[in-house]
Amino acid sequence: ANAALASAVGGAIVLEESRTGPQQVFDALAAMLQEPQRRQRMSEGIRMLDTGDAAQRISTTLLQLASKELQSSTSCTTILN
């Protein structure tokens, strides 16, 4: 889903896994290295998906999940003791 979205805004190239081997990856990368304007367009496209605070949102979510897990395991330990 993320790759399709990034591709839709021009920020990525999607290679179908079942049809992609090392040579296809090499060819795709080589083509990008030869086309600075394409890389610029891809860079601009992927920036459209930037939320600006993604790292903060991810870390907050992980801390919340860890806290819930810790509370759950503490509750279970209390019940078992």
C-alpha atoms as a PDB file:
ATOM      1  CA  ALA A   1       0.000   0.000   0.000  1.00  0.00           C
ATOM      2  CA  ASN A   2       2.768   2.475   0.871  1.00  0.00           C
ATOM      3  CA  ALA A   3       4.691   1.721  -2.306  1.00  0.00           C
ATOM      4  CA  ALA A   4       1.581   2.181  -4.429  1.00  0.00           C
ATOM      5  CA  LEU A   5       0.848   5.518  -2.762  1.00  0.00           C
ATOM      6  CA  ALA A   6       4.426   6.715  -3.179  1.00  0.00           C
ATOM      7  CA  SER A   7       4.344   5.621  -6.809  1.00  0.00           C
ATOM      8  CA  ALA A   8       1.018   7.370  -7.386  1.00  0.00           C
ATOM      9  CA  VAL A   9       2.547  10.715  -6.413  1.00  0.00           C
ATOM     10  CA  GLY A  10       5.642  10.026  -8.503  1.00  0.00           C
ATOM     11  CA  GLY A  11       7.911   9.412  -5.527  1.00  0.00           C
ATOM     12  CA  ALA A  12       8.738   5.769  -6.160  1.00  0.00           C
ATOM     13  CA  ILE A  13       9.028   3.044  -8.718  1.00  0.00           C
ATOM     14  CA  VAL A  14       7.166  -0.146  -7.922  1.00  0.00           C
ATOM     15  CA  LEU A  15       8.705  -3.383  -9.103  1.00  0.00           C
ATOM     16  CA  GLU A  16       6.471  -6.428  -8.892  1.00  0.00           C
ATOM     17  CA  GLU A  17       8.227  -8.861  -6.600  1.00  0.00           C
ATOM     18  CA  SER A  18       7.315 -11.977  -8.557  1.00  0.00           C
ATOM     19  CA  ARG A  19       8.809 -10.490 -11.720  1.00  0.00           C
ATOM     20  CA  THR A  20      11.813  -8.758 -10.202  1.00  0.00           C
ATOM     21  CA  GLY A  21      15.292 -10.067  -9.747  1.00  0.00           C
ATOM     22  CA  PRO A  22      18.662  -8.437  -9.204  1.00  0.00           C
ATOM     23  CA  GLN A  23      18.964  -7.394 -12.845  1.00  0.00           C
ATOM     24  CA  GLN A  24      15.607  -5.587 -12.832  1.00  0.00           C
ATOM     25  CA  VAL A  25      16.532  -3.724  -9.642  1.00  0.00           C
ATOM     26  CA  PHE A  26      19.912  -2.811 -11.128  1.00  0.00           C
ATOM     27  CA  ASP A  27      18.278  -1.602 -14.342  1.00  0.00           C
ATOM     28  CA  ALA A  28      15.760   0.554 -12.446  1.00  0.00           C
ATOM     29  CA  LEU A  29      18.488   2.113 -10.310  1.00  0.00           C
ATOM     30  CA  ALA A  30      20.790   2.644 -13.280  1.00  0.00           C
ATOM     31  CA  ALA A  31      17.991   4.411 -15.156  1.00  0.00           C
ATOM     32  CA  MET A  32      17.369   6.718 -12.192  1.00  0.00           C
ATOM     33  CA  LEU A  33      21.068   7.521 -11.881  1.00  0.00           C
ATOM     34  CA  GLN A  34      21.110   8.557 -15.532  1.00  0.00           C
ATOM     35  CA  GLU A  35      18.148  10.931 -15.137  1.00  0.00           C
ATOM     36  CA  PRO A  36      18.669  13.740 -12.614  1.00  0.00           C
ATOM     37  CA  GLN A  37      15.382  15.387 -13.617  1.00  0.00           C
ATOM     38  CA  ARG A  38      13.514  12.162 -12.883  1.00  0.00           C
ATOM     39  CA  ARG A  39      15.138  11.946  -9.446  1.00  0.00           C
ATOM     40  CA  GLN A  40      14.137  15.559  -8.802  1.00  0.00           C
ATOM     41  CA  ARG A  41      10.512  14.814  -9.753  1.00  0.00           C
ATOM     42  CA  MET A  42      10.553  11.736  -7.511  1.00  0.00           C
ATOM     43  CA  SER A  43      11.946  13.785  -4.647  1.00  0.00           C
ATOM     44  CA  GLU A  44       9.209  16.376  -5.073  1.00  0.00           C
ATOM     45  CA  GLY A  45       6.568  13.668  -5.329  1.00  0.00           C
ATOM     46  CA  ILE A  46       7.599  11.864  -2.163  1.00  0.00           C
ATOM     47  CA  ARG A  47       7.693  15.154  -0.245  1.00  0.00           C
ATOM     48  CA  MET A  48       3.958  15.448  -0.876  1.00  0.00           C
ATOM     49  CA  LEU A  49       3.481  12.508   1.508  1.00  0.00           C
ATOM     50  CA  ASP A  50       5.636  13.996   4.275  1.00  0.00           C
ATOM     51  CA  THR A  51       3.610  14.705   7.390  1.00  0.00           C
ATOM     52  CA  GLY A  52       6.512  16.553   8.985  1.00  0.00           C
ATOM     53  CA  ASP A  53       6.076  14.800  12.301  1.00  0.00           C
ATOM     54  CA  ALA A  54       6.113  11.149  11.286  1.00  0.00           C
ATOM     55  CA  ALA A  55       9.005  10.191  13.589  1.00  0.00           C
ATOM     56  CA  GLN A  56       7.290  11.823  16.551  1.00  0.00           C
ATOM     57  CA  ARG A  57       3.972  10.133  15.766  1.00  0.00           C
ATOM     58  CA  ILE A  58       5.617   6.712  15.400  1.00  0.00           C
ATOM     59  CA  SER A  59       7.562   7.027  18.655  1.00  0.00           C
ATOM     60  CA  THR A  60       4.461   8.219  20.530  1.00  0.00           C
ATOM     61  CA  THR A  61       2.441   5.273  19.227  1.00  0.00           C
ATOM     62  CA  LEU A  62       5.191   2.802  20.135  1.00  0.00           C
ATOM     63  CA  LEU A  63       5.455   4.224  23.653  1.00  0.00           C
ATOM     64  CA  GLN A  64       1.689   4.017  24.094  1.00  0.00           C
ATOM     65  CA  LEU A  65       1.660   0.388  22.929  1.00  0.00           C
ATOM     66  CA  ALA A  66       4.589  -0.494  25.189  1.00  0.00           C
ATOM     67  CA  SER A  67       2.851   1.170  28.141  1.00  0.00           C
ATOM     68  CA  LYS A  68      -0.348  -0.792  27.513  1.00  0.00           C
ATOM     69  CA  GLU A  69       1.649  -4.019  27.203  1.00  0.00           C
ATOM     70  CA  LEU A  70       3.498  -3.290  30.422  1.00  0.00           C
ATOM     71  CA  GLN A  71       0.243  -2.517  32.227  1.00  0.00           C
ATOM     72  CA  SER A  72      -1.303  -5.714  30.887  1.00  0.00           C
ATOM     73  CA  SER A  73       1.628  -7.902  31.933  1.00  0.00           C
ATOM     74  CA  THR A  74       1.761  -6.211  35.351  1.00  0.00           C
ATOM     75  CA  SER A  75      -1.947  -6.881  35.838  1.00  0.00           C
ATOM     76  CA  CYS A  76      -1.495 -10.534  34.902  1.00  0.00           C
ATOM     77  CA  THR A  77       1.451 -10.892  37.271  1.00  0.00           C
ATOM     78  CA  THR A  78      -0.555  -9.321  40.105  1.00  0.00           C
ATOM     79  CA  ILE A  79      -3.462 -11.663  39.471  1.00  0.00           C
ATOM     80  CA  LEU A  80      -1.163 -14.710  39.371  1.00  0.00           C
ATOM     81  CA  ASN A  81       0.633 -13.756  42.607  1.00  0.00           C
END
